Each structure stands twice: as C-alpha cells, then as structure tokens.
Amino acid sequence: MAETTTESTKKSTAEKPALQPGDARNPETDRRCAAPDGVLEQDHAAEWQGQETIRFFPDHFISEATAMVLLLCLYAVLAIFFPAFIEARANPAITPVGSKPAWYFLFLYEYLHFVPPLVGTLTPVALLVLLGAWPFLDRNPSRKPRKRVIAIVFAVIVVVVILTLTVLGAVE
C-alpha cells in the first residue's frame, strides 16, 4: 500500500510544470518575513535578489515629472497652433436667449431684474459681510427663541425673499 502512494505522488509531481524564479507559488521565492507590526508579508528582497533596482525618489519621480512637463508643453503647443473652434467665440456682452442659472442662483438672477447692476452686485456682498459679522453685532446671550425676536424676524424675511425671488425666476 505504501508503494502505491509514493508512485501516485511521483506521477502528480511529474505532471506539474516546473516553477521558475518569480512565479507566484515558487517555494524558493514565496518567503514570508515578519513586518514591524508582526504581520507576515512577502519578502521582496529575496524575490528580486541580484537584480538591479532604482529608487523611487528622486530617480523614478524625476523621470515621471519630466514626462508630465513635456506632455504639458506638447498639449500647450497643440492648443496654441491648432485651437478647437467648435462654435462661435463666446461674447460676454451678449446673453443667449433662454439661459438661466442653476436653481440655487436663481434668486440672484431675478434680483438683478429689479435693481440697477451696481446695486445688484454690491448688495449680496454686503449681506454676506453682514451675515459673517452678525454674531459680533447681536450680543444677546439668550438662546431662547422668544428672546431673539430680531434675529428670527430677520432670518424669516431673508428666507421669504429668497424663496419669492426663486419662484419668480423659475416661472418667468
């Protein structure tokens, strides 16, 4: 019985292809070494033993950075000499018919219809500055809503105005 098992193992080993150095399951190169945290990891030094290697920094990094800069220069030259004219050039003085901003800027777009352009530009900036300065201007120490009437009224007015202008801009 012992003779049959050794013969079967000889047949199975003879049928398997020979493993080469660098193969994934080569017992000579599949060494494991303990990392500082105690986890077993692949011993890459044993796998690449005798082969020349390069350092990542600066050798590999400089070659990759050089390739990136050269490609960027090539794209810039191509863009300068062969521009992609898909449509007519953009004219910032003319707004196309039917263009509207996204819904979250629609209230500002509609606000510009009711006031002159300078006022429509400076008012949102002034309101943002006021919003940032509000904690320093409102010195009420209470957190109860009944004692914060001015802040709540101001917030409700702002929300109602923004919603009204957004709806007007969407309907238009």
N, C-alpha and C. Protein backbone atom coordinates (compact mmCIF):
# COMPACT_ATOMS: atom_id res chain seq x y z
N MET A 1 0.82 -1.19 0.00
CA MET A 1 0.00 0.00 0.00
C MET A 1 0.87 1.25 0.00
N ALA A 2 1.99 1.18 0.71
CA ALA A 2 2.88 2.33 0.78
C ALA A 2 3.50 2.60 -0.57
N GLU A 3 3.73 1.56 -1.34
CA GLU A 3 4.35 1.74 -2.66
C GLU A 3 3.40 2.47 -3.61
N THR A 4 2.11 2.24 -3.51
CA THR A 4 1.16 2.88 -4.43
C THR A 4 1.05 4.38 -4.15
N THR A 5 1.13 4.79 -2.90
CA THR A 5 1.04 6.23 -2.61
C THR A 5 2.27 6.95 -3.10
N THR A 6 3.45 6.37 -2.98
CA THR A 6 4.65 7.06 -3.46
C THR A 6 4.64 7.15 -4.98
N GLU A 7 4.11 6.11 -5.63
CA GLU A 7 4.03 6.15 -7.09
C GLU A 7 3.05 7.22 -7.55
N SER A 8 1.91 7.39 -6.84
CA SER A 8 0.93 8.40 -7.22
C SER A 8 1.48 9.81 -7.00
N THR A 9 2.27 9.99 -5.93
CA THR A 9 2.84 11.32 -5.70
C THR A 9 3.91 11.62 -6.73
N LYS A 10 4.66 10.61 -7.16
CA LYS A 10 5.67 10.83 -8.20
C LYS A 10 5.00 11.22 -9.51
N LYS A 11 3.87 10.59 -9.83
CA LYS A 11 3.15 10.92 -11.05
C LYS A 11 2.61 12.35 -11.01
N SER A 12 2.08 12.76 -9.84
CA SER A 12 1.49 14.10 -9.74
C SER A 12 2.57 15.17 -9.81
N THR A 13 3.76 14.89 -9.23
CA THR A 13 4.82 15.89 -9.31
C THR A 13 5.42 15.94 -10.70
N ALA A 14 5.44 14.83 -11.39
CA ALA A 14 5.99 14.81 -12.74
C ALA A 14 5.08 15.53 -13.72
N GLU A 15 3.78 15.52 -13.48
CA GLU A 15 2.83 16.16 -14.39
C GLU A 15 2.82 17.68 -14.24
N LYS A 16 3.16 18.21 -13.06
CA LYS A 16 3.13 19.65 -12.83
C LYS A 16 4.28 20.32 -13.57
N PRO A 17 4.05 21.49 -14.14
CA PRO A 17 5.15 22.19 -14.81
C PRO A 17 6.15 22.71 -13.78
N ALA A 18 7.37 22.83 -14.19
CA ALA A 18 8.42 23.30 -13.29
C ALA A 18 8.20 24.78 -12.98
N LEU A 19 8.41 25.15 -11.74
CA LEU A 19 8.25 26.54 -11.32
C LEU A 19 9.55 27.30 -11.59
N GLN A 20 9.41 28.51 -12.08
CA GLN A 20 10.55 29.36 -12.37
C GLN A 20 10.69 30.41 -11.28
N PRO A 21 11.90 30.96 -11.08
CA PRO A 21 12.03 32.06 -10.11
C PRO A 21 11.14 33.22 -10.51
N GLY A 22 10.41 33.76 -9.56
CA GLY A 22 9.48 34.85 -9.82
C GLY A 22 8.06 34.38 -10.01
N ASP A 23 7.83 33.05 -10.08
CA ASP A 23 6.47 32.55 -10.16
C ASP A 23 5.74 32.83 -8.86
N ALA A 24 4.42 32.90 -8.94
CA ALA A 24 3.64 33.29 -7.77
C ALA A 24 3.69 32.24 -6.66
N ARG A 25 3.85 30.97 -7.02
CA ARG A 25 3.81 29.93 -5.99
C ARG A 25 5.13 29.18 -5.89
N ASN A 26 6.21 29.84 -6.14
CA ASN A 26 7.52 29.22 -6.05
C ASN A 26 7.96 29.18 -4.59
N PRO A 27 8.23 27.99 -4.04
CA PRO A 27 8.61 27.93 -2.61
C PRO A 27 9.92 28.63 -2.32
N GLU A 28 10.77 28.79 -3.33
CA GLU A 28 12.04 29.48 -3.08
C GLU A 28 11.83 30.98 -2.94
N THR A 29 10.90 31.54 -3.71
CA THR A 29 10.70 32.99 -3.66
C THR A 29 9.48 33.39 -2.85
N ASP A 30 8.68 32.44 -2.43
CA ASP A 30 7.50 32.75 -1.63
C ASP A 30 7.84 32.78 -0.15
N ARG A 31 8.87 33.46 0.20
CA ARG A 31 9.25 33.55 1.61
C ARG A 31 8.43 34.64 2.27
N ARG A 32 8.14 34.42 3.51
CA ARG A 32 7.42 35.43 4.28
C ARG A 32 8.35 35.95 5.37
N CYS A 33 8.26 37.24 5.63
CA CYS A 33 9.07 37.82 6.71
C CYS A 33 8.14 38.64 7.59
N ALA A 34 8.54 38.77 8.86
CA ALA A 34 7.71 39.49 9.82
C ALA A 34 7.96 40.98 9.68
N ALA A 35 6.87 41.74 9.54
CA ALA A 35 6.96 43.20 9.49
C ALA A 35 7.06 43.73 10.92
N PRO A 36 7.38 45.02 11.08
CA PRO A 36 7.49 45.57 12.45
C PRO A 36 6.21 45.42 13.26
N ASP A 37 5.05 45.36 12.61
CA ASP A 37 3.80 45.21 13.36
C ASP A 37 3.45 43.74 13.59
N GLY A 38 4.33 42.81 13.18
CA GLY A 38 4.13 41.40 13.46
C GLY A 38 3.37 40.65 12.39
N VAL A 39 2.93 41.33 11.32
CA VAL A 39 2.18 40.68 10.25
C VAL A 39 3.18 40.10 9.25
N LEU A 40 2.90 38.89 8.79
CA LEU A 40 3.79 38.29 7.81
C LEU A 40 3.54 38.90 6.44
N GLU A 41 4.60 39.33 5.78
CA GLU A 41 4.49 39.93 4.48
C GLU A 41 5.46 39.25 3.52
N GLN A 42 5.28 39.52 2.25
CA GLN A 42 6.15 38.94 1.22
C GLN A 42 7.55 39.51 1.36
N ASP A 43 8.55 38.66 1.24
CA ASP A 43 9.94 39.09 1.29
C ASP A 43 10.36 39.44 -0.14
N HIS A 44 10.22 40.70 -0.50
CA HIS A 44 10.51 41.11 -1.86
C HIS A 44 12.00 41.13 -2.14
N ALA A 45 12.80 41.31 -1.11
CA ALA A 45 14.25 41.32 -1.32
C ALA A 45 14.72 39.96 -1.82
N ALA A 46 14.12 38.89 -1.31
CA ALA A 46 14.51 37.56 -1.76
C ALA A 46 14.04 37.32 -3.19
N GLU A 47 12.89 37.87 -3.54
CA GLU A 47 12.36 37.67 -4.88
C GLU A 47 13.20 38.38 -5.94
N TRP A 48 13.68 39.58 -5.64
CA TRP A 48 14.42 40.38 -6.60
C TRP A 48 15.93 40.34 -6.35
N GLN A 49 16.38 39.37 -5.62
CA GLN A 49 17.79 39.29 -5.24
C GLN A 49 18.66 39.19 -6.49
N GLY A 50 19.68 40.04 -6.55
CA GLY A 50 20.62 40.02 -7.67
C GLY A 50 20.19 40.89 -8.83
N GLN A 51 18.96 41.38 -8.85
CA GLN A 51 18.52 42.22 -9.95
C GLN A 51 18.70 43.69 -9.59
N GLU A 52 19.00 44.50 -10.59
CA GLU A 52 19.25 45.91 -10.36
C GLU A 52 17.91 46.64 -10.14
N THR A 53 17.84 47.52 -9.18
CA THR A 53 16.62 48.28 -8.89
C THR A 53 16.94 49.77 -8.92
N ILE A 54 15.89 50.59 -9.00
CA ILE A 54 16.07 52.04 -8.92
C ILE A 54 15.26 52.55 -7.74
N ARG A 55 15.68 53.68 -7.21
CA ARG A 55 14.97 54.30 -6.10
C ARG A 55 13.77 55.07 -6.64
N PHE A 56 12.70 55.13 -5.84
CA PHE A 56 11.52 55.89 -6.28
C PHE A 56 11.84 57.37 -6.34
N PHE A 57 12.41 57.88 -5.25
CA PHE A 57 12.77 59.30 -5.22
C PHE A 57 14.26 59.41 -5.08
N PRO A 58 14.94 60.09 -5.89
CA PRO A 58 14.50 61.00 -6.94
C PRO A 58 14.46 60.38 -8.33
N ASP A 59 14.99 59.16 -8.51
CA ASP A 59 15.17 58.62 -9.86
C ASP A 59 13.85 58.45 -10.60
N HIS A 60 12.94 57.65 -10.08
CA HIS A 60 11.67 57.39 -10.76
C HIS A 60 10.80 58.65 -10.79
N PHE A 61 10.80 59.41 -9.71
CA PHE A 61 9.99 60.61 -9.62
C PHE A 61 10.40 61.63 -10.67
N ILE A 62 11.70 61.83 -10.87
CA ILE A 62 12.18 62.82 -11.84
C ILE A 62 11.81 62.39 -13.26
N SER A 63 11.90 61.10 -13.56
CA SER A 63 11.54 60.67 -14.91
C SER A 63 10.05 60.87 -15.16
N GLU A 64 9.21 60.60 -14.17
CA GLU A 64 7.76 60.81 -14.35
C GLU A 64 7.43 62.29 -14.44
N ALA A 65 8.05 63.12 -13.62
CA ALA A 65 7.80 64.56 -13.66
C ALA A 65 8.26 65.15 -14.98
N THR A 66 9.37 64.68 -15.51
CA THR A 66 9.85 65.16 -16.80
C THR A 66 8.87 64.80 -17.91
N ALA A 67 8.37 63.59 -17.90
CA ALA A 67 7.39 63.18 -18.91
C ALA A 67 6.13 64.03 -18.80
N MET A 68 5.70 64.32 -17.58
CA MET A 68 4.49 65.11 -17.39
C MET A 68 4.68 66.53 -17.93
N VAL A 69 5.82 67.16 -17.66
CA VAL A 69 6.07 68.52 -18.13
C VAL A 69 6.18 68.55 -19.65
N LEU A 70 6.85 67.55 -20.23
CA LEU A 70 6.97 67.50 -21.69
C LEU A 70 5.60 67.33 -22.37
N LEU A 71 4.74 66.48 -21.82
CA LEU A 71 3.39 66.32 -22.37
C LEU A 71 2.57 67.60 -22.22
N LEU A 72 2.72 68.28 -21.09
CA LEU A 72 2.01 69.54 -20.89
C LEU A 72 2.46 70.57 -21.92
N CYS A 73 3.76 70.64 -22.20
CA CYS A 73 4.26 71.56 -23.22
C CYS A 73 3.72 71.18 -24.60
N LEU A 74 3.69 69.90 -24.90
CA LEU A 74 3.16 69.45 -26.18
C LEU A 74 1.68 69.84 -26.33
N TYR A 75 0.88 69.62 -25.28
CA TYR A 75 -0.54 70.00 -25.33
C TYR A 75 -0.71 71.50 -25.48
N ALA A 76 0.14 72.28 -24.81
CA ALA A 76 0.04 73.74 -24.92
C ALA A 76 0.36 74.20 -26.34
N VAL A 77 1.40 73.63 -26.94
CA VAL A 77 1.75 73.99 -28.32
C VAL A 77 0.64 73.60 -29.27
N LEU A 78 0.08 72.41 -29.10
CA LEU A 78 -1.03 71.98 -29.96
C LEU A 78 -2.25 72.89 -29.78
N ALA A 79 -2.53 73.29 -28.55
CA ALA A 79 -3.69 74.16 -28.31
C ALA A 79 -3.48 75.55 -28.90
N ILE A 80 -2.23 76.01 -28.93
CA ILE A 80 -1.96 77.34 -29.48
C ILE A 80 -2.06 77.34 -31.00
N PHE A 81 -1.46 76.33 -31.63
CA PHE A 81 -1.40 76.32 -33.08
C PHE A 81 -2.61 75.65 -33.75
N PHE A 82 -3.30 74.79 -33.04
CA PHE A 82 -4.47 74.11 -33.59
C PHE A 82 -5.65 74.21 -32.61
N PRO A 83 -6.21 75.42 -32.43
CA PRO A 83 -7.30 75.56 -31.47
C PRO A 83 -8.56 74.83 -31.94
N ALA A 84 -9.37 74.42 -31.00
CA ALA A 84 -10.60 73.69 -31.31
C ALA A 84 -11.75 74.68 -31.37
N PHE A 85 -12.11 75.10 -32.59
CA PHE A 85 -13.23 76.01 -32.77
C PHE A 85 -14.48 75.18 -32.98
N ILE A 86 -15.20 74.94 -31.91
CA ILE A 86 -16.40 74.13 -32.00
C ILE A 86 -17.59 74.99 -32.44
N GLU A 87 -17.71 76.16 -31.86
CA GLU A 87 -18.79 77.09 -32.21
C GLU A 87 -18.18 78.47 -32.32
N ALA A 88 -19.02 79.46 -32.43
CA ALA A 88 -18.54 80.84 -32.47
C ALA A 88 -17.92 81.19 -31.12
N ARG A 89 -16.99 82.13 -31.17
CA ARG A 89 -16.32 82.54 -29.93
C ARG A 89 -17.34 83.16 -28.97
N ALA A 90 -17.10 82.97 -27.69
CA ALA A 90 -18.02 83.48 -26.68
C ALA A 90 -17.92 84.99 -26.60
N ASN A 91 -19.08 85.65 -26.45
CA ASN A 91 -19.14 87.09 -26.29
C ASN A 91 -19.79 87.36 -24.94
N PRO A 92 -19.03 87.83 -23.95
CA PRO A 92 -19.61 88.04 -22.62
C PRO A 92 -20.62 89.18 -22.57
N ALA A 93 -20.68 90.01 -23.61
CA ALA A 93 -21.63 91.12 -23.61
C ALA A 93 -23.03 90.69 -24.02
N ILE A 94 -23.16 89.51 -24.63
CA ILE A 94 -24.46 89.05 -25.11
C ILE A 94 -24.85 87.77 -24.37
N THR A 95 -26.01 87.82 -23.74
CA THR A 95 -26.53 86.64 -23.06
C THR A 95 -27.44 85.89 -24.02
N PRO A 96 -27.23 84.60 -24.20
CA PRO A 96 -28.11 83.85 -25.11
C PRO A 96 -29.55 83.83 -24.60
N VAL A 97 -30.49 83.73 -25.53
CA VAL A 97 -31.90 83.72 -25.17
C VAL A 97 -32.22 82.41 -24.44
N GLY A 98 -32.95 82.53 -23.34
CA GLY A 98 -33.41 81.36 -22.62
C GLY A 98 -32.41 80.77 -21.66
N SER A 99 -31.27 81.41 -21.44
CA SER A 99 -30.31 80.84 -20.48
C SER A 99 -30.64 81.35 -19.08
N LYS A 100 -30.63 80.44 -18.16
CA LYS A 100 -30.88 80.77 -16.76
C LYS A 100 -29.85 80.05 -15.90
N PRO A 101 -29.53 80.62 -14.75
CA PRO A 101 -28.58 79.94 -13.87
C PRO A 101 -29.24 78.75 -13.18
N ALA A 102 -28.43 78.01 -12.45
CA ALA A 102 -28.95 76.88 -11.67
C ALA A 102 -29.91 77.41 -10.60
N TRP A 103 -30.71 76.52 -10.04
CA TRP A 103 -31.77 76.93 -9.12
C TRP A 103 -31.23 77.65 -7.89
N TYR A 104 -30.02 77.31 -7.45
CA TYR A 104 -29.51 77.93 -6.22
C TYR A 104 -28.99 79.35 -6.46
N PHE A 105 -28.86 79.80 -7.74
CA PHE A 105 -28.51 81.18 -8.03
C PHE A 105 -29.67 81.93 -8.68
N LEU A 106 -30.80 81.28 -8.78
CA LEU A 106 -31.93 81.88 -9.48
C LEU A 106 -32.45 83.14 -8.78
N PHE A 107 -32.41 83.17 -7.46
CA PHE A 107 -32.89 84.36 -6.74
C PHE A 107 -31.99 85.57 -7.02
N LEU A 108 -30.68 85.35 -7.17
CA LEU A 108 -29.79 86.48 -7.50
C LEU A 108 -30.03 86.96 -8.93
N TYR A 109 -30.28 86.04 -9.82
CA TYR A 109 -30.58 86.38 -11.22
C TYR A 109 -31.86 87.21 -11.30
N GLU A 110 -32.86 86.81 -10.56
CA GLU A 110 -34.13 87.54 -10.56
C GLU A 110 -33.98 88.89 -9.86
N TYR A 111 -33.15 88.95 -8.83
CA TYR A 111 -32.91 90.21 -8.10
C TYR A 111 -32.31 91.26 -9.04
N LEU A 112 -31.47 90.80 -9.99
CA LEU A 112 -30.86 91.74 -10.93
C LEU A 112 -31.89 92.39 -11.87
N HIS A 113 -33.07 91.79 -12.01
CA HIS A 113 -34.11 92.39 -12.84
C HIS A 113 -34.78 93.58 -12.16
N PHE A 114 -34.70 93.65 -10.83
CA PHE A 114 -35.42 94.70 -10.09
C PHE A 114 -34.55 95.88 -9.70
N VAL A 115 -33.24 95.73 -9.74
CA VAL A 115 -32.34 96.80 -9.29
C VAL A 115 -31.29 97.07 -10.36
N PRO A 116 -30.61 98.22 -10.29
CA PRO A 116 -29.52 98.50 -11.24
C PRO A 116 -28.36 97.51 -11.05
N PRO A 117 -27.53 97.31 -12.07
CA PRO A 117 -26.46 96.30 -11.99
C PRO A 117 -25.48 96.52 -10.83
N LEU A 118 -25.13 97.77 -10.55
CA LEU A 118 -24.19 98.03 -9.46
C LEU A 118 -24.79 97.64 -8.11
N VAL A 119 -26.04 97.99 -7.91
CA VAL A 119 -26.71 97.63 -6.65
C VAL A 119 -26.88 96.11 -6.57
N GLY A 120 -27.22 95.48 -7.69
CA GLY A 120 -27.41 94.04 -7.71
C GLY A 120 -26.12 93.27 -7.46
N THR A 121 -24.98 93.91 -7.71
CA THR A 121 -23.69 93.27 -7.46
C THR A 121 -23.21 93.50 -6.04
N LEU A 122 -23.41 94.72 -5.52
CA LEU A 122 -22.88 95.05 -4.20
C LEU A 122 -23.76 94.57 -3.05
N THR A 123 -25.06 94.50 -3.26
CA THR A 123 -25.97 94.11 -2.18
C THR A 123 -25.70 92.70 -1.67
N PRO A 124 -25.56 91.66 -2.52
CA PRO A 124 -25.28 90.33 -1.99
C PRO A 124 -23.94 90.26 -1.22
N VAL A 125 -22.96 91.01 -1.69
CA VAL A 125 -21.67 91.03 -0.98
C VAL A 125 -21.84 91.67 0.40
N ALA A 126 -22.58 92.78 0.45
CA ALA A 126 -22.81 93.45 1.74
C ALA A 126 -23.60 92.55 2.68
N LEU A 127 -24.58 91.82 2.15
CA LEU A 127 -25.36 90.91 3.00
C LEU A 127 -24.51 89.74 3.52
N LEU A 128 -23.59 89.26 2.71
CA LEU A 128 -22.69 88.20 3.19
C LEU A 128 -21.75 88.71 4.29
N VAL A 129 -21.28 89.96 4.13
CA VAL A 129 -20.44 90.55 5.19
C VAL A 129 -21.27 90.73 6.46
N LEU A 130 -22.52 91.17 6.34
CA LEU A 130 -23.40 91.31 7.49
C LEU A 130 -23.66 89.96 8.16
N LEU A 131 -23.85 88.93 7.35
CA LEU A 131 -24.07 87.59 7.89
C LEU A 131 -22.85 87.10 8.68
N GLY A 132 -21.65 87.38 8.17
CA GLY A 132 -20.44 86.98 8.89
C GLY A 132 -20.22 87.79 10.15
N ALA A 133 -20.66 89.06 10.15
CA ALA A 133 -20.47 89.92 11.32
C ALA A 133 -21.62 89.81 12.32
N TRP A 134 -22.70 89.12 11.97
CA TRP A 134 -23.87 89.06 12.84
C TRP A 134 -23.59 88.56 14.26
N PRO A 135 -22.78 87.52 14.45
CA PRO A 135 -22.51 87.10 15.83
C PRO A 135 -21.84 88.17 16.68
N PHE A 136 -21.09 89.06 16.04
CA PHE A 136 -20.42 90.13 16.79
C PHE A 136 -21.35 91.32 17.02
N LEU A 137 -22.35 91.48 16.14
CA LEU A 137 -23.29 92.60 16.28
C LEU A 137 -24.42 92.28 17.26
N ASP A 138 -24.90 91.07 17.24
CA ASP A 138 -26.01 90.66 18.11
C ASP A 138 -25.41 90.09 19.39
N ARG A 139 -25.46 90.88 20.45
CA ARG A 139 -24.84 90.48 21.72
C ARG A 139 -25.82 89.86 22.70
N ASN A 140 -27.00 89.44 22.25
CA ASN A 140 -27.99 88.84 23.13
C ASN A 140 -27.47 87.46 23.59
N PRO A 141 -27.25 87.27 24.88
CA PRO A 141 -26.68 85.99 25.36
C PRO A 141 -27.71 84.86 25.42
N SER A 142 -28.99 85.17 25.34
CA SER A 142 -30.02 84.15 25.47
C SER A 142 -30.10 83.29 24.20
N ARG A 143 -30.43 82.02 24.42
CA ARG A 143 -30.62 81.11 23.28
C ARG A 143 -32.08 80.77 23.07
N LYS A 144 -32.94 81.33 23.86
CA LYS A 144 -34.36 81.06 23.74
C LYS A 144 -34.93 81.87 22.59
N PRO A 145 -35.75 81.24 21.72
CA PRO A 145 -36.29 81.95 20.57
C PRO A 145 -37.16 83.16 20.95
N ARG A 146 -37.83 83.12 22.08
CA ARG A 146 -38.69 84.23 22.47
C ARG A 146 -37.88 85.48 22.79
N LYS A 147 -36.63 85.30 23.16
CA LYS A 147 -35.78 86.45 23.49
C LYS A 147 -34.89 86.86 22.33
N ARG A 148 -35.05 86.21 21.16
CA ARG A 148 -34.23 86.50 19.98
C ARG A 148 -35.12 86.93 18.81
N VAL A 149 -36.07 87.79 19.09
CA VAL A 149 -37.08 88.17 18.11
C VAL A 149 -36.45 88.84 16.89
N ILE A 150 -35.51 89.74 17.09
CA ILE A 150 -34.92 90.47 15.97
C ILE A 150 -34.20 89.50 15.02
N ALA A 151 -33.42 88.59 15.55
CA ALA A 151 -32.68 87.64 14.72
C ALA A 151 -33.63 86.72 13.97
N ILE A 152 -34.69 86.28 14.62
CA ILE A 152 -35.64 85.37 13.97
C ILE A 152 -36.43 86.10 12.89
N VAL A 153 -36.86 87.32 13.14
CA VAL A 153 -37.59 88.10 12.13
C VAL A 153 -36.69 88.35 10.92
N PHE A 154 -35.45 88.72 11.17
CA PHE A 154 -34.50 88.96 10.07
C PHE A 154 -34.30 87.68 9.25
N ALA A 155 -34.13 86.55 9.89
CA ALA A 155 -33.92 85.28 9.18
C ALA A 155 -35.15 84.90 8.37
N VAL A 156 -36.34 85.09 8.92
CA VAL A 156 -37.57 84.75 8.20
C VAL A 156 -37.73 85.66 6.98
N ILE A 157 -37.44 86.94 7.13
CA ILE A 157 -37.54 87.86 5.99
C ILE A 157 -36.58 87.44 4.88
N VAL A 158 -35.35 87.08 5.22
CA VAL A 158 -34.36 86.66 4.22
C VAL A 158 -34.84 85.40 3.50
N VAL A 159 -35.34 84.42 4.24
CA VAL A 159 -35.80 83.17 3.62
C VAL A 159 -37.00 83.43 2.71
N VAL A 160 -37.94 84.26 3.14
CA VAL A 160 -39.12 84.56 2.32
C VAL A 160 -38.71 85.30 1.04
N VAL A 161 -37.80 86.25 1.15
CA VAL A 161 -37.36 86.99 -0.04
C VAL A 161 -36.65 86.06 -1.02
N ILE A 162 -35.77 85.18 -0.52
CA ILE A 162 -35.05 84.25 -1.39
C ILE A 162 -36.03 83.29 -2.08
N LEU A 163 -36.97 82.75 -1.33
CA LEU A 163 -37.95 81.84 -1.93
C LEU A 163 -38.83 82.54 -2.96
N THR A 164 -39.25 83.76 -2.66
CA THR A 164 -40.10 84.51 -3.58
C THR A 164 -39.35 84.80 -4.89
N LEU A 165 -38.10 85.27 -4.77
CA LEU A 165 -37.33 85.57 -5.97
C LEU A 165 -37.03 84.29 -6.78
N THR A 166 -36.80 83.18 -6.09
CA THR A 166 -36.55 81.93 -6.81
C THR A 166 -37.77 81.48 -7.57
N VAL A 167 -38.94 81.57 -6.95
CA VAL A 167 -40.18 81.17 -7.64
C VAL A 167 -40.45 82.10 -8.81
N LEU A 168 -40.26 83.41 -8.64
CA LEU A 168 -40.46 84.34 -9.73
C LEU A 168 -39.51 84.05 -10.90
N GLY A 169 -38.26 83.71 -10.58
CA GLY A 169 -37.28 83.39 -11.63
C GLY A 169 -37.60 82.10 -12.33
N ALA A 170 -38.16 81.13 -11.61
CA ALA A 170 -38.48 79.84 -12.23
C ALA A 170 -39.71 79.96 -13.13
N VAL A 171 -40.67 80.77 -12.74
CA VAL A 171 -41.90 80.91 -13.51
C VAL A 171 -41.65 81.72 -14.77
N GLU A 172 -40.78 82.68 -14.70
CA GLU A 172 -40.51 83.57 -15.82
C GLU A 172 -40.01 82.85 -17.05
